[in-house]
């Protein structure tokens, strides 16, 4: 007979909360990166071609950073959703087991 699996549902819920908090923090950082990308037109000087090239490269870096933070945010949101589903499944399973034992007890003579 396989061993019983003990799951700490409260720990799974704490992990879910932590994943949501990380996702929220990443979303806040994404907005900061976006504001860092909002620089004045003369920030890279006024050299022909060079200033435009630097500004374009900076914009690429900012956009790349935002994409990475969006991806990380989405990943942590998916983790939080999966943990919520896992915890709910274990809670339903525990309720079903309890209901089964109660039904067995109810059917036994006293």
N, C-alpha and C. Protein backbone atom coordinates (compact mmCIF):
# COMPACT_ATOMS: atom_id res chain seq x y z
N UNK A 1 0.85 -1.18 0.00
CA UNK A 1 0.00 0.00 0.00
C UNK A 1 0.89 1.24 0.00
N UNK A 2 0.64 2.19 -0.91
CA UNK A 2 1.47 3.39 -0.95
C UNK A 2 1.27 4.22 0.31
N UNK A 3 2.30 4.96 0.69
CA UNK A 3 2.19 5.78 1.90
C UNK A 3 1.20 6.93 1.69
N UNK A 4 0.59 7.35 2.79
CA UNK A 4 -0.32 8.50 2.73
C UNK A 4 0.48 9.76 2.42
N UNK A 5 -0.15 10.64 1.71
CA UNK A 5 0.49 11.91 1.39
C UNK A 5 -0.13 12.97 2.29
N UNK A 6 0.72 13.62 3.05
CA UNK A 6 0.27 14.70 3.92
C UNK A 6 0.58 16.03 3.24
N UNK A 7 -0.41 16.85 3.08
CA UNK A 7 -0.23 18.15 2.44
C UNK A 7 -0.63 19.24 3.42
N UNK A 8 0.25 20.19 3.58
CA UNK A 8 -0.05 21.35 4.41
C UNK A 8 -0.71 22.39 3.52
N UNK A 9 -2.03 22.38 3.49
CA UNK A 9 -2.78 23.28 2.61
C UNK A 9 -2.50 24.73 2.95
N UNK A 10 -2.29 25.02 4.22
CA UNK A 10 -1.99 26.40 4.62
C UNK A 10 -0.65 26.84 4.02
N UNK A 11 0.31 25.93 3.94
CA UNK A 11 1.60 26.27 3.33
C UNK A 11 1.43 26.53 1.83
N UNK A 12 0.58 25.75 1.18
CA UNK A 12 0.31 25.98 -0.24
C UNK A 12 -0.35 27.35 -0.42
N UNK A 13 -1.27 27.70 0.46
CA UNK A 13 -1.91 29.02 0.41
C UNK A 13 -0.90 30.15 0.65
N UNK A 14 0.05 29.91 1.56
CA UNK A 14 1.09 30.93 1.80
C UNK A 14 1.96 31.11 0.56
N UNK A 15 2.28 30.02 -0.12
CA UNK A 15 3.04 30.11 -1.36
C UNK A 15 2.26 30.86 -2.43
N UNK A 16 0.97 30.60 -2.49
CA UNK A 16 0.10 31.32 -3.43
C UNK A 16 0.16 32.83 -3.17
N UNK A 17 0.03 33.20 -1.90
CA UNK A 17 0.08 34.62 -1.52
C UNK A 17 1.43 35.23 -1.88
N UNK A 18 2.51 34.48 -1.61
CA UNK A 18 3.85 34.98 -1.93
C UNK A 18 4.00 35.18 -3.44
N UNK A 19 3.50 34.25 -4.23
CA UNK A 19 3.59 34.38 -5.69
C UNK A 19 2.81 35.60 -6.18
N UNK A 20 1.64 35.84 -5.58
CA UNK A 20 0.86 37.02 -5.94
C UNK A 20 1.61 38.30 -5.57
N UNK A 21 2.27 38.31 -4.42
CA UNK A 21 3.01 39.49 -4.00
C UNK A 21 4.19 39.76 -4.93
N UNK A 22 4.88 38.69 -5.35
CA UNK A 22 5.99 38.86 -6.29
C UNK A 22 5.47 39.41 -7.62
N UNK A 23 4.35 38.88 -8.09
CA UNK A 23 3.76 39.37 -9.34
C UNK A 23 3.41 40.85 -9.22
N UNK A 24 2.86 41.24 -8.09
CA UNK A 24 2.51 42.64 -7.87
C UNK A 24 3.75 43.53 -7.84
N UNK A 25 4.79 43.06 -7.18
CA UNK A 25 6.05 43.82 -7.12
C UNK A 25 6.66 43.98 -8.51
N UNK A 26 6.60 42.92 -9.30
CA UNK A 26 7.14 42.99 -10.66
C UNK A 26 6.34 43.98 -11.51
N UNK A 27 5.03 44.01 -11.31
CA UNK A 27 4.21 44.97 -12.05
C UNK A 27 4.59 46.40 -11.68
N UNK A 28 4.87 46.64 -10.41
CA UNK A 28 5.28 47.97 -9.96
C UNK A 28 6.64 48.34 -10.56
N UNK A 29 7.55 47.38 -10.62
CA UNK A 29 8.86 47.66 -11.21
C UNK A 29 8.75 47.93 -12.71
N UNK A 30 7.82 47.26 -13.35
CA UNK A 30 7.62 47.48 -14.79
C UNK A 30 7.26 48.94 -15.06
N UNK A 31 6.39 49.50 -14.23
CA UNK A 31 6.00 50.90 -14.43
C UNK A 31 7.18 51.83 -14.17
N UNK A 32 8.06 51.45 -13.25
CA UNK A 32 9.25 52.28 -13.00
C UNK A 32 10.20 52.22 -14.20
N UNK A 33 10.31 51.04 -14.80
CA UNK A 33 11.16 50.92 -15.99
C UNK A 33 10.58 51.78 -17.11
N UNK A 34 9.26 51.74 -17.25
CA UNK A 34 8.62 52.55 -18.28
C UNK A 34 8.91 54.03 -18.06
N UNK A 35 8.85 54.48 -16.81
CA UNK A 35 9.13 55.89 -16.54
C UNK A 35 10.62 56.20 -16.75
N UNK A 36 11.50 55.23 -16.54
CA UNK A 36 12.93 55.44 -16.80
C UNK A 36 13.18 55.61 -18.29
N UNK A 37 12.30 55.04 -19.11
CA UNK A 37 12.45 55.17 -20.55
C UNK A 37 11.97 56.50 -21.08
N UNK A 38 11.27 57.24 -20.25
CA UNK A 38 10.74 58.54 -20.66
C UNK A 38 11.79 59.61 -20.35
N UNK A 39 12.67 59.82 -21.28
CA UNK A 39 13.77 60.77 -21.07
C UNK A 39 13.62 61.95 -22.05
N UNK A 40 14.17 63.08 -21.68
CA UNK A 40 14.10 64.25 -22.58
C UNK A 40 14.84 63.97 -23.90
N UNK A 41 14.40 64.63 -24.96
CA UNK A 41 15.00 64.39 -26.27
C UNK A 41 16.48 64.74 -26.32
N UNK A 42 16.94 65.65 -25.52
CA UNK A 42 18.36 66.03 -25.55
C UNK A 42 19.22 65.26 -24.57
N UNK A 43 18.70 64.22 -23.96
CA UNK A 43 19.44 63.50 -22.93
C UNK A 43 20.73 62.88 -23.46
N UNK A 44 20.78 62.56 -24.74
CA UNK A 44 21.99 61.95 -25.30
C UNK A 44 22.77 62.94 -26.16
N UNK A 45 22.54 64.19 -25.93
CA UNK A 45 23.28 65.22 -26.65
C UNK A 45 22.65 65.53 -27.99
N UNK A 46 23.42 66.28 -28.79
CA UNK A 46 22.90 66.72 -30.08
C UNK A 46 23.90 66.41 -31.20
N UNK A 47 24.55 65.28 -31.11
CA UNK A 47 25.48 64.89 -32.17
C UNK A 47 24.70 64.21 -33.29
N UNK A 48 24.94 64.62 -34.51
CA UNK A 48 24.22 63.99 -35.63
C UNK A 48 24.44 62.47 -35.63
N UNK A 49 23.42 61.76 -35.85
CA UNK A 49 23.38 60.29 -35.92
C UNK A 49 23.71 59.61 -34.59
N UNK A 50 24.76 60.03 -33.90
CA UNK A 50 25.17 59.37 -32.66
C UNK A 50 24.10 59.51 -31.58
N UNK A 51 23.56 60.70 -31.41
CA UNK A 51 22.55 60.91 -30.38
C UNK A 51 21.30 60.08 -30.66
N UNK A 52 20.88 60.06 -31.92
CA UNK A 52 19.71 59.26 -32.28
C UNK A 52 19.97 57.78 -32.07
N UNK A 53 21.17 57.33 -32.43
CA UNK A 53 21.52 55.92 -32.26
C UNK A 53 21.51 55.55 -30.76
N UNK A 54 22.09 56.38 -29.93
CA UNK A 54 22.10 56.12 -28.48
C UNK A 54 20.69 56.10 -27.92
N UNK A 55 19.86 57.06 -28.34
CA UNK A 55 18.48 57.12 -27.87
C UNK A 55 17.72 55.85 -28.29
N UNK A 56 17.93 55.42 -29.54
CA UNK A 56 17.26 54.21 -30.03
C UNK A 56 17.71 52.97 -29.26
N UNK A 57 19.01 52.87 -29.01
CA UNK A 57 19.54 51.71 -28.27
C UNK A 57 19.00 51.71 -26.83
N UNK A 58 18.93 52.88 -26.23
CA UNK A 58 18.38 52.99 -24.88
C UNK A 58 16.92 52.56 -24.87
N UNK A 59 16.16 53.01 -25.85
CA UNK A 59 14.74 52.63 -25.95
C UNK A 59 14.60 51.11 -26.12
N UNK A 60 15.49 50.51 -26.89
CA UNK A 60 15.47 49.04 -27.05
C UNK A 60 15.70 48.34 -25.71
N UNK A 61 16.65 48.84 -24.95
CA UNK A 61 16.95 48.24 -23.64
C UNK A 61 15.78 48.38 -22.68
N UNK A 62 15.17 49.55 -22.68
CA UNK A 62 14.01 49.77 -21.81
C UNK A 62 12.88 48.83 -22.21
N UNK A 63 12.60 48.74 -23.50
CA UNK A 63 11.52 47.85 -23.97
C UNK A 63 11.84 46.39 -23.64
N UNK A 64 13.08 45.99 -23.82
CA UNK A 64 13.48 44.62 -23.48
C UNK A 64 13.29 44.34 -21.99
N UNK A 65 13.66 45.30 -21.16
CA UNK A 65 13.46 45.15 -19.72
C UNK A 65 12.00 45.03 -19.37
N UNK A 66 11.17 45.83 -20.01
CA UNK A 66 9.73 45.77 -19.75
C UNK A 66 9.17 44.42 -20.16
N UNK A 67 9.62 43.90 -21.28
CA UNK A 67 9.15 42.57 -21.72
C UNK A 67 9.54 41.49 -20.72
N UNK A 68 10.77 41.57 -20.21
CA UNK A 68 11.21 40.59 -19.21
C UNK A 68 10.37 40.67 -17.94
N UNK A 69 10.10 41.86 -17.47
CA UNK A 69 9.29 42.01 -16.27
C UNK A 69 7.86 41.55 -16.51
N UNK A 70 7.32 41.83 -17.71
CA UNK A 70 5.97 41.35 -18.04
C UNK A 70 5.93 39.82 -18.03
N UNK A 71 6.96 39.21 -18.61
CA UNK A 71 7.03 37.74 -18.64
C UNK A 71 7.13 37.16 -17.24
N UNK A 72 7.97 37.76 -16.42
CA UNK A 72 8.11 37.29 -15.04
C UNK A 72 6.80 37.47 -14.28
N UNK A 73 6.16 38.62 -14.45
CA UNK A 73 4.87 38.88 -13.81
C UNK A 73 3.86 37.81 -14.21
N UNK A 74 3.76 37.56 -15.52
CA UNK A 74 2.81 36.56 -16.01
C UNK A 74 3.12 35.17 -15.44
N UNK A 75 4.40 34.84 -15.35
CA UNK A 75 4.79 33.53 -14.81
C UNK A 75 4.37 33.39 -13.36
N UNK A 76 4.59 34.42 -12.55
CA UNK A 76 4.20 34.35 -11.15
C UNK A 76 2.68 34.35 -10.99
N UNK A 77 1.98 35.02 -11.88
CA UNK A 77 0.51 34.96 -11.85
C UNK A 77 0.05 33.53 -12.14
N UNK A 78 0.68 32.87 -13.11
CA UNK A 78 0.31 31.48 -13.42
C UNK A 78 0.63 30.56 -12.25
N UNK A 79 1.76 30.79 -11.60
CA UNK A 79 2.13 29.98 -10.43
C UNK A 79 1.09 30.17 -9.33
N UNK A 80 0.71 31.41 -9.07
CA UNK A 80 -0.29 31.69 -8.02
C UNK A 80 -1.62 31.02 -8.36
N UNK A 81 -2.03 31.07 -9.61
CA UNK A 81 -3.28 30.43 -10.03
C UNK A 81 -3.20 28.92 -9.85
N UNK A 82 -2.07 28.34 -10.23
CA UNK A 82 -1.91 26.90 -10.09
C UNK A 82 -1.91 26.48 -8.61
N UNK A 83 -1.25 27.26 -7.77
CA UNK A 83 -1.24 26.95 -6.34
C UNK A 83 -2.64 27.08 -5.74
N UNK A 84 -3.40 28.07 -6.19
CA UNK A 84 -4.78 28.23 -5.70
C UNK A 84 -5.61 27.01 -6.09
N UNK A 85 -5.47 26.55 -7.32
CA UNK A 85 -6.19 25.36 -7.77
C UNK A 85 -5.78 24.12 -7.00
N UNK A 86 -4.49 24.00 -6.72
CA UNK A 86 -3.98 22.86 -5.95
C UNK A 86 -4.56 22.86 -4.54
N UNK A 87 -4.53 24.01 -3.89
CA UNK A 87 -5.05 24.10 -2.53
C UNK A 87 -6.55 23.79 -2.51
N UNK A 88 -7.29 24.32 -3.48
CA UNK A 88 -8.73 24.05 -3.54
C UNK A 88 -9.00 22.57 -3.75
N UNK A 89 -8.21 21.92 -4.60
CA UNK A 89 -8.40 20.49 -4.84
C UNK A 89 -8.14 19.68 -3.57
N UNK A 90 -7.08 20.03 -2.83
CA UNK A 90 -6.81 19.32 -1.58
C UNK A 90 -7.90 19.58 -0.55
N UNK A 91 -8.39 20.81 -0.49
CA UNK A 91 -9.47 21.12 0.46
C UNK A 91 -10.74 20.34 0.11
N UNK A 92 -11.09 20.29 -1.17
CA UNK A 92 -12.27 19.51 -1.59
C UNK A 92 -12.09 18.03 -1.27
N UNK A 93 -10.88 17.53 -1.51
CA UNK A 93 -10.58 16.13 -1.22
C UNK A 93 -10.75 15.83 0.26
N UNK A 94 -10.24 16.71 1.11
CA UNK A 94 -10.38 16.54 2.55
C UNK A 94 -11.85 16.58 2.97
N UNK A 95 -12.62 17.48 2.38
CA UNK A 95 -14.05 17.57 2.68
C UNK A 95 -14.78 16.29 2.25
N UNK A 96 -14.42 15.78 1.07
CA UNK A 96 -15.03 14.54 0.59
C UNK A 96 -14.70 13.37 1.50
N UNK A 97 -13.47 13.30 1.94
CA UNK A 97 -13.06 12.22 2.85
C UNK A 97 -13.83 12.33 4.17
N UNK A 98 -13.91 13.55 4.71
CA UNK A 98 -14.66 13.76 5.96
C UNK A 98 -16.13 13.37 5.78
N UNK A 99 -16.71 13.76 4.66
CA UNK A 99 -18.12 13.42 4.40
C UNK A 99 -18.28 11.90 4.30
N UNK A 100 -17.31 11.23 3.70
CA UNK A 100 -17.37 9.77 3.60
C UNK A 100 -17.32 9.11 4.96
N UNK A 101 -16.43 9.58 5.82
CA UNK A 101 -16.34 9.01 7.17
C UNK A 101 -17.62 9.28 7.96
N UNK A 102 -18.18 10.47 7.80
CA UNK A 102 -19.43 10.79 8.50
C UNK A 102 -20.57 9.90 8.01
N UNK A 103 -20.60 9.64 6.73
CA UNK A 103 -21.65 8.76 6.17
C UNK A 103 -21.48 7.35 6.70
N UNK A 104 -20.26 6.88 6.80
CA UNK A 104 -20.00 5.53 7.34
C UNK A 104 -20.43 5.48 8.81
N UNK A 105 -20.04 6.51 9.56
CA UNK A 105 -20.42 6.54 10.99
C UNK A 105 -21.93 6.57 11.16
N UNK A 106 -22.58 7.33 10.33
CA UNK A 106 -24.05 7.46 10.44
C UNK A 106 -24.73 6.12 10.18
N UNK A 107 -24.13 5.30 9.33
CA UNK A 107 -24.73 4.01 9.00
C UNK A 107 -24.39 2.89 9.98
N UNK A 108 -23.50 3.15 10.91
CA UNK A 108 -23.11 2.12 11.88
C UNK A 108 -24.03 2.14 13.09
N UNK A 109 -24.38 0.97 13.58
CA UNK A 109 -25.22 0.93 14.80
C UNK A 109 -24.42 1.46 16.00
N UNK A 110 -25.14 2.01 16.92
CA UNK A 110 -24.50 2.58 18.11
C UNK A 110 -24.57 1.64 19.26
